[in-house]
Amino acid sequence: MNSQLIPINSLQRHVAALQDALVQAVGDVIASGHFVLGSHVAAFEAEFAAYCGVDHCVGVANGTDALELALKAAGIGAGDKVVVAANAAMYGTTAVLACGAEPVFVDVLPGEATLDPKAIEAVFQNHADERSGAGIKAILVTHLYGRLARMTDICHIARTHGAMIVEDCAQAHGARAGDGRRAGAFGDIASFSFYPTKNLGAIGDGGAIVCNDPVLAMRARQLRQYGWGGKYENALMGGRNSRLDEIQAAMLLVMLPRLDAWNARRRQIARRYFEGIRSDSIELPPVVGEGDVAHLYVVRSDRRTALREHLSAHGIQSDVHYPVPDHRQPCHALRYAHVVLPTTERDAGRVLSLPCFPEMTDDEVSRVIDACSRF
């Protein structure tokens, strides 16, 4: 047995080949003497907007702020209801609650883990029957594990019911639909995270809001800097200090041109898993295409604990994304005790992430396939 550990991810490997370029980028920022909202942020915002196929990008401090400020820029506030999945580690739910709004939890599609369009439609119909549908103002769509949600159906539902769409693209940088549109270009406004483990990750925290609407972009720019309309003049409530700094923007400028190649390698690994893993106890996700950037390769098993122990014995790390649905979190257990989401709840006890990162070697991929197939 090969005793070399296969990590779930390796940031050290990921940045090793870029070290000289990253050090140079930091030096350029230091030499500029401009460290906040300078030329590097402006350049990254322009390049990332072009990459996503939208008109505007607003850099912010992290992905969680991006979600919250995108919702606020879209006008979500106290008393509004926002459709949200409950399987993404509380990030979307936290952002909704931070706006003073109410999450309306909706179940996800089996195997895909993204919002089920039929379940969304049912929520709108049920709330309308109860004469409380007027408060459903937005659908927060998370492209979980790197896979695009069913955006054609979801956009149709949103238009039918007059709801806005806010995309959570934290795990889906570069995911592309058949018509060429990338994650972030479907809804009214979208958020990204550049946490180091993301497909496009900084050397620290960072985030962005993207959209085509100049009014929404202007609001987002104001909200990231205290809600200022002008210096020291607070025009919007709900703002904060949430600015992407110059050093992280410079790092991201180095990395962005490499993103598509990194995504291609992730897809290649995912396809090898799909074609090679043969175990009656492991359920594989659907084969990946351009609409999936394989941020995480998530399998399902009714014997998850045993599978984790088996992989560990073979020197393979794994992780669970995510073990506790939002509506079952300790802080919400009583408030949402009435909510039942069968697929979400079943997934929470079965999902397991295998190693899948661009710098994995072919031999490591083969070892994972062999170990899984022996389970």
Protein backbone atom coordinates (compact mmCIF):
# COMPACT_ATOMS: atom_id res chain seq x y z
CA MET A 1 0.00 0.00 0.00
CA ASN A 2 1.24 3.51 -0.87
CA SER A 3 1.72 5.34 2.44
CA GLN A 4 1.80 8.82 0.90
CA LEU A 5 -1.27 10.75 2.07
CA ILE A 6 -3.63 12.04 -0.60
CA PRO A 7 -5.07 15.30 0.79
CA ILE A 8 -8.60 16.50 0.20
CA ASN A 9 -6.93 19.62 -1.23
CA SER A 10 -3.43 21.12 -1.27
CA LEU A 11 -3.03 24.87 -1.36
CA GLN A 12 0.73 24.46 -1.04
CA ARG A 13 0.84 22.57 -4.33
CA HIS A 14 -1.62 24.95 -5.90
CA VAL A 15 0.47 28.10 -5.42
CA ALA A 16 3.95 26.57 -5.69
CA ALA A 17 4.28 27.19 -9.43
CA LEU A 18 2.97 30.75 -9.00
CA GLN A 19 5.18 31.82 -6.12
CA ASP A 20 7.48 34.11 -8.09
CA ALA A 21 4.58 35.80 -9.86
CA LEU A 22 2.67 36.24 -6.59
CA VAL A 23 5.69 37.72 -4.83
CA GLN A 24 6.13 40.12 -7.74
CA ALA A 25 2.46 41.10 -7.51
CA VAL A 26 2.86 41.98 -3.83
CA GLY A 27 5.96 44.00 -4.66
CA ASP A 28 4.04 45.93 -7.31
CA VAL A 29 1.35 46.85 -4.79
CA ILE A 30 3.91 47.96 -2.21
CA ALA A 31 5.73 50.04 -4.78
CA SER A 32 2.49 51.72 -5.86
CA GLY A 33 1.90 53.20 -2.41
CA HIS A 34 -1.86 52.70 -2.91
CA PHE A 35 -3.24 49.85 -0.81
CA VAL A 36 -7.05 50.17 -0.77
CA LEU A 37 -9.36 50.53 -3.80
CA GLY A 38 -6.51 51.32 -6.16
CA SER A 39 -5.52 50.29 -9.67
CA HIS A 40 -5.21 46.57 -8.95
CA VAL A 41 -8.76 46.31 -7.63
CA ALA A 42 -10.05 48.29 -10.61
CA ALA A 43 -8.14 46.07 -13.02
CA PHE A 44 -9.37 42.86 -11.41
CA GLU A 45 -12.96 44.10 -11.32
CA ALA A 46 -12.79 44.83 -15.06
CA GLU A 47 -11.18 41.49 -15.93
CA PHE A 48 -13.48 39.40 -13.76
CA ALA A 49 -16.59 41.14 -15.09
CA ALA A 50 -15.42 40.37 -18.63
CA TYR A 51 -14.69 36.77 -17.68
CA CYS A 52 -18.19 36.32 -16.22
CA GLY A 53 -19.78 38.06 -19.19
CA VAL A 54 -21.33 40.91 -17.20
CA ASP A 55 -20.92 44.67 -17.16
CA HIS A 56 -20.02 45.25 -13.52
CA CYS A 57 -17.90 43.70 -10.78
CA VAL A 58 -17.55 45.09 -7.25
CA GLY A 59 -14.77 43.63 -5.12
CA VAL A 60 -15.56 43.06 -1.45
CA ALA A 61 -13.81 41.59 1.59
CA ASN A 62 -15.17 38.03 1.47
CA GLY A 63 -17.84 35.79 0.02
CA THR A 64 -20.23 36.09 2.94
CA ASP A 65 -20.23 39.87 2.66
CA ALA A 66 -20.73 39.49 -1.09
CA LEU A 67 -23.90 37.47 -0.48
CA GLU A 68 -25.32 39.87 2.08
CA LEU A 69 -24.48 43.04 0.17
CA ALA A 70 -25.80 41.57 -3.09
CA LEU A 71 -29.11 40.88 -1.37
CA LYS A 72 -29.19 44.39 0.10
CA ALA A 73 -28.27 45.94 -3.24
CA ALA A 74 -31.23 44.04 -4.72
CA GLY A 75 -33.48 45.68 -2.14
CA ILE A 76 -33.96 42.72 0.19
CA GLY A 77 -34.82 43.92 3.67
CA ALA A 78 -36.89 43.40 6.79
CA GLY A 79 -40.01 41.32 6.25
CA ASP A 80 -39.04 40.04 2.80
CA LYS A 81 -38.94 36.33 2.12
CA VAL A 82 -36.13 34.70 0.18
CA VAL A 83 -36.21 31.18 -1.24
CA VAL A 84 -32.99 29.41 -0.25
CA ALA A 85 -31.55 25.90 -0.15
CA ALA A 86 -30.70 24.48 3.26
CA ASN A 87 -27.71 22.33 2.27
CA ALA A 88 -24.89 24.87 1.93
CA ALA A 89 -23.49 25.35 5.44
CA MET A 90 -25.61 28.34 6.45
CA TYR A 91 -23.88 30.87 4.19
CA GLY A 92 -26.95 31.87 2.22
CA THR A 93 -29.24 31.63 5.23
CA THR A 94 -26.89 33.79 7.29
CA ALA A 95 -26.89 36.45 4.58
CA VAL A 96 -30.69 36.42 4.33
CA LEU A 97 -31.07 36.79 8.10
CA ALA A 98 -28.48 39.60 8.16
CA CYS A 99 -30.78 41.55 5.85
CA GLY A 100 -33.66 41.15 8.30
CA ALA A 101 -35.39 38.90 5.78
CA GLU A 102 -36.84 35.43 6.26
CA PRO A 103 -35.44 32.30 4.57
CA VAL A 104 -38.00 30.07 2.88
CA PHE A 105 -36.28 26.71 2.69
CA VAL A 106 -36.76 24.62 -0.45
CA ASP A 107 -35.57 21.09 -1.16
CA VAL A 108 -32.93 20.17 -3.73
CA LEU A 109 -32.69 17.75 -6.64
CA PRO A 110 -31.45 14.23 -5.85
CA GLY A 111 -27.88 13.74 -7.03
CA GLU A 112 -27.44 17.38 -8.06
CA ALA A 113 -27.94 19.12 -4.69
CA THR A 114 -29.18 22.34 -6.33
CA LEU A 115 -32.63 23.86 -5.93
CA ASP A 116 -35.49 21.77 -7.28
CA PRO A 117 -37.51 24.00 -9.66
CA LYS A 118 -40.72 22.08 -8.92
CA ALA A 119 -40.21 22.65 -5.21
CA ILE A 120 -39.67 26.37 -5.83
CA GLU A 121 -42.88 26.60 -7.83
CA ALA A 122 -44.75 24.74 -5.10
CA VAL A 123 -43.53 27.24 -2.51
CA PHE A 124 -44.84 30.16 -4.53
CA GLN A 125 -48.17 28.42 -5.07
CA ASN A 126 -48.54 27.43 -1.42
CA HIS A 127 -47.69 30.87 -0.16
CA ALA A 128 -50.10 32.43 -2.63
CA ASP A 129 -52.85 30.12 -1.40
CA GLU A 130 -52.09 31.28 2.12
CA ARG A 131 -52.14 34.91 0.97
CA SER A 132 -48.60 35.38 2.16
CA GLY A 133 -46.81 35.07 -1.17
CA ALA A 134 -46.41 38.80 -1.62
CA GLY A 135 -43.43 38.75 0.70
CA ILE A 136 -41.39 36.32 -1.44
CA LYS A 137 -39.09 38.79 -3.10
CA ALA A 138 -36.11 36.76 -4.28
CA ILE A 139 -34.68 33.33 -5.01
CA LEU A 140 -31.14 32.80 -3.74
CA VAL A 141 -29.66 30.17 -6.06
CA THR A 142 -26.56 28.32 -4.89
CA HIS A 143 -24.54 26.53 -7.57
CA LEU A 144 -23.39 23.90 -5.09
CA TYR A 145 -20.23 21.79 -5.50
CA GLY A 146 -19.49 23.64 -8.75
CA ARG A 147 -22.62 22.55 -10.66
CA LEU A 148 -24.92 25.12 -12.24
CA ALA A 149 -28.46 24.99 -10.90
CA ARG A 150 -31.36 24.52 -13.32
CA MET A 151 -31.27 28.17 -14.30
CA THR A 152 -33.61 28.07 -17.32
CA ASP A 153 -36.45 26.72 -15.17
CA ILE A 154 -35.61 28.88 -12.16
CA CYS A 155 -35.42 32.08 -14.23
CA HIS A 156 -38.83 31.28 -15.74
CA ILE A 157 -40.34 30.81 -12.28
CA ALA A 158 -38.80 34.06 -11.06
CA ARG A 159 -40.16 36.02 -14.02
CA THR A 160 -43.61 34.47 -13.60
CA HIS A 161 -43.83 35.49 -9.96
CA GLY A 162 -41.94 38.79 -10.15
CA ALA A 163 -39.08 37.62 -7.94
CA MET A 164 -35.45 38.62 -8.23
CA ILE A 165 -32.65 36.07 -8.64
CA VAL A 166 -29.49 36.34 -6.59
CA GLU A 167 -26.85 33.78 -7.57
CA ASP A 168 -24.42 32.34 -5.04
CA CYS A 169 -21.44 31.40 -7.23
CA ALA A 170 -18.92 30.80 -4.44
CA GLN A 171 -18.21 27.28 -5.70
CA ALA A 172 -18.85 27.75 -9.42
CA HIS A 173 -16.30 30.17 -10.91
CA GLY A 174 -16.37 29.57 -14.66
CA ALA A 175 -19.25 27.08 -14.83
CA ARG A 176 -20.84 27.58 -18.22
CA ALA A 177 -24.23 26.72 -19.69
CA GLY A 178 -24.81 25.47 -23.24
CA ASP A 179 -25.52 29.00 -24.47
CA GLY A 180 -22.14 30.19 -23.21
CA ARG A 181 -23.35 32.10 -20.17
CA ARG A 182 -21.24 31.64 -17.08
CA ALA A 183 -22.23 31.46 -13.44
CA GLY A 184 -23.11 34.98 -12.31
CA ALA A 185 -24.67 36.06 -15.61
CA PHE A 186 -28.12 34.50 -15.22
CA GLY A 187 -29.77 36.39 -12.39
CA ASP A 188 -30.20 40.01 -11.38
CA ILE A 189 -27.05 40.01 -9.25
CA ALA A 190 -24.52 37.43 -8.08
CA SER A 191 -21.87 36.88 -5.43
CA PHE A 192 -18.50 35.12 -5.49
CA SER A 193 -16.04 34.03 -2.83
CA PHE A 194 -12.28 33.98 -3.35
CA TYR A 195 -11.52 32.03 -0.19
CA PRO A 196 -8.25 30.15 -0.82
CA THR A 197 -9.89 26.75 -1.43
CA LYS A 198 -12.23 28.04 -4.14
CA ASN A 199 -11.62 27.33 -7.83
CA LEU A 200 -10.37 30.91 -8.02
CA GLY A 201 -8.91 31.56 -4.59
CA ALA A 202 -6.90 34.43 -3.14
CA ILE A 203 -4.08 34.18 -0.60
CA GLY A 204 -6.57 35.12 2.08
CA ASP A 205 -10.17 36.31 2.00
CA GLY A 206 -11.89 38.10 -0.83
CA GLY A 207 -15.19 38.27 -2.65
CA ALA A 208 -17.05 40.00 -5.46
CA ILE A 209 -20.51 41.03 -6.58
CA VAL A 210 -21.30 40.97 -10.30
CA CYS A 211 -24.30 42.19 -12.31
CA ASN A 212 -25.40 43.92 -15.51
CA ASP A 213 -27.59 46.56 -13.87
CA PRO A 214 -25.68 49.82 -13.25
CA VAL A 215 -28.05 50.81 -10.45
CA LEU A 216 -27.46 47.55 -8.56
CA ALA A 217 -23.71 47.92 -9.13
CA MET A 218 -23.76 51.46 -7.76
CA ARG A 219 -25.63 50.32 -4.65
CA ALA A 220 -23.13 47.50 -4.12
CA ARG A 221 -20.22 49.94 -4.40
CA GLN A 222 -21.85 52.21 -1.85
CA LEU A 223 -22.67 49.36 0.53
CA ARG A 224 -19.11 48.01 0.54
CA GLN A 225 -17.91 51.36 1.87
CA TYR A 226 -20.26 52.31 4.70
CA GLY A 227 -23.14 53.14 2.33
CA TRP A 228 -21.39 56.31 1.23
CA GLY A 229 -22.86 58.44 -1.51
CA GLY A 230 -19.84 60.71 -1.11
CA LYS A 231 -16.96 60.73 1.32
CA TYR A 232 -18.31 60.72 4.89
CA GLU A 233 -21.92 60.98 3.58
CA ASN A 234 -23.94 57.85 4.32
CA ALA A 235 -26.59 57.54 1.64
CA LEU A 236 -27.62 53.90 2.17
CA MET A 237 -28.44 51.99 5.32
CA GLY A 238 -26.85 48.59 5.83
CA GLY A 239 -23.39 49.43 4.52
CA ARG A 240 -20.10 48.31 6.03
CA ASN A 241 -16.36 48.34 5.54
CA SER A 242 -16.01 45.46 3.05
CA ARG A 243 -13.37 46.23 0.45
CA LEU A 244 -11.25 43.81 -1.58
CA ASP A 245 -7.71 44.95 -0.80
CA GLU A 246 -5.07 45.72 -3.39
CA ILE A 247 -2.80 42.80 -2.53
CA GLN A 248 -5.55 40.19 -2.93
CA ALA A 249 -6.68 41.83 -6.18
CA ALA A 250 -3.12 41.62 -7.49
CA MET A 251 -2.95 37.94 -6.54
CA LEU A 252 -6.26 37.26 -8.29
CA LEU A 253 -5.03 39.00 -11.44
CA VAL A 254 -2.19 36.47 -11.54
CA MET A 255 -4.56 33.54 -11.04
CA LEU A 256 -7.57 34.43 -13.21
CA PRO A 257 -5.91 33.58 -16.56
CA ARG A 258 -5.24 30.07 -15.22
CA LEU A 259 -8.79 29.39 -13.99
CA ASP A 260 -10.12 27.65 -17.10
CA ALA A 261 -7.17 25.23 -17.18
CA TRP A 262 -7.62 24.47 -13.48
CA ASN A 263 -11.33 23.83 -14.06
CA ALA A 264 -10.54 21.55 -16.99
CA ARG A 265 -8.24 19.46 -14.81
CA ARG A 266 -10.91 19.21 -12.11
CA ARG A 267 -13.41 17.99 -14.72
CA GLN A 268 -10.88 15.46 -15.98
CA ILE A 269 -10.47 14.04 -12.47
CA ALA A 270 -14.25 13.96 -11.95
CA ARG A 271 -14.74 12.09 -15.23
CA ARG A 272 -12.10 9.52 -14.27
CA TYR A 273 -13.94 8.96 -10.99
CA PHE A 274 -17.25 8.59 -12.80
CA GLU A 275 -15.82 6.10 -15.29
CA GLY A 276 -13.60 4.19 -12.88
CA ILE A 277 -15.27 3.85 -9.47
CA ARG A 278 -17.28 0.64 -9.22
CA SER A 279 -18.89 -0.02 -5.84
CA ASP A 280 -22.44 -1.00 -4.99
CA SER A 281 -22.08 1.05 -1.79
CA ILE A 282 -21.10 4.33 -3.47
CA GLU A 283 -23.49 6.49 -5.47
CA LEU A 284 -21.68 8.77 -7.93
CA PRO A 285 -22.89 12.23 -9.01
CA PRO A 286 -23.90 12.83 -12.65
CA VAL A 287 -21.06 13.06 -15.14
CA VAL A 288 -19.66 16.58 -15.36
CA GLY A 289 -19.85 18.88 -18.35
CA GLU A 290 -19.08 22.56 -18.93
CA GLY A 291 -21.82 23.44 -16.46
CA ASP A 292 -19.87 21.82 -13.62
CA VAL A 293 -16.43 22.99 -12.50
CA ALA A 294 -16.03 20.12 -10.00
CA HIS A 295 -15.26 22.35 -7.04
CA LEU A 296 -16.02 19.28 -4.92
CA TYR A 297 -16.49 15.70 -6.02
CA VAL A 298 -19.29 14.50 -3.77
CA VAL A 299 -20.39 10.88 -3.64
CA ARG A 300 -23.14 9.40 -1.47
CA SER A 301 -23.15 6.30 0.67
CA ASP A 302 -25.42 4.80 3.29
CA ARG A 303 -22.19 3.57 4.91
CA ARG A 304 -20.43 6.91 4.98
CA THR A 305 -18.57 6.42 8.27
CA ALA A 306 -17.25 3.05 7.15
CA LEU A 307 -16.26 4.53 3.78
CA ARG A 308 -14.34 7.36 5.45
CA GLU A 309 -12.51 4.87 7.65
CA HIS A 310 -11.75 2.68 4.63
CA LEU A 311 -10.33 5.63 2.67
CA SER A 312 -8.30 6.82 5.65
CA ALA A 313 -6.78 3.35 6.00
CA HIS A 314 -5.66 3.71 2.38
CA GLY A 315 -4.10 7.13 3.01
CA ILE A 316 -6.92 9.16 1.44
CA GLN A 317 -8.49 12.18 3.09
CA SER A 318 -12.20 12.91 2.73
CA ASP A 319 -14.64 15.46 4.12
CA VAL A 320 -18.37 16.03 4.54
CA HIS A 321 -19.93 18.99 2.72
CA TYR A 322 -22.22 19.45 4.64
CA PRO A 323 -23.34 17.43 7.68
CA VAL A 324 -26.07 19.65 9.19
CA PRO A 325 -28.82 21.32 7.08
CA ASP A 326 -29.53 24.97 7.88
CA HIS A 327 -32.99 24.28 9.30
CA ARG A 328 -31.49 21.70 11.67
CA GLN A 329 -28.63 23.85 12.96
CA PRO A 330 -28.65 24.24 16.77
CA CYS A 331 -29.36 27.97 16.52
CA HIS A 332 -32.46 27.28 14.35
CA ALA A 333 -33.68 23.91 15.60
CA LEU A 334 -36.83 25.24 17.27
CA ARG A 335 -37.61 28.03 14.82
CA TYR A 336 -37.68 25.70 11.80
CA ALA A 337 -38.69 22.44 13.47
CA HIS A 338 -41.72 22.27 11.16
CA VAL A 339 -39.61 22.35 7.97
CA VAL A 340 -39.19 18.99 6.24
CA LEU A 341 -36.80 18.64 3.28
CA PRO A 342 -36.43 14.93 2.49
CA THR A 343 -33.61 15.08 -0.08
CA THR A 344 -31.63 17.68 1.85
CA GLU A 345 -31.92 15.72 5.08
CA ARG A 346 -31.04 12.40 3.47
CA ASP A 347 -28.00 13.93 1.74
CA ALA A 348 -26.72 15.32 5.03
CA GLY A 349 -26.22 11.79 6.29
CA ARG A 350 -24.78 10.37 3.06
CA VAL A 351 -22.59 12.91 1.22
CA LEU A 352 -18.80 12.53 1.19
CA SER A 353 -16.24 14.60 -0.71
CA LEU A 354 -13.30 12.85 -2.36
CA PRO A 355 -10.01 14.60 -3.23
CA CYS A 356 -10.43 16.68 -6.39
CA PHE A 357 -8.01 19.52 -7.04
CA PRO A 358 -5.99 20.53 -10.12
CA GLU A 359 -2.61 19.42 -8.81
CA MET A 360 -3.64 15.83 -8.08
CA THR A 361 -1.45 13.39 -9.95
CA ASP A 362 -2.86 10.69 -12.21
CA ASP A 363 -1.45 8.11 -9.81
CA GLU A 364 -3.33 9.68 -6.91
CA VAL A 365 -6.57 9.65 -8.88
CA SER A 366 -6.00 5.97 -9.65
CA ARG A 367 -5.41 5.24 -5.97
CA VAL A 368 -8.71 6.89 -5.03
CA ILE A 369 -10.56 4.95 -7.72
CA ASP A 370 -9.01 1.68 -6.59
CA ALA A 371 -9.75 2.29 -2.92
CA CYS A 372 -13.38 3.23 -3.61
CA SER A 373 -13.87 0.25 -5.88
CA ARG A 374 -12.58 -2.05 -3.12
CA PHE A 375 -15.21 -0.75 -0.69
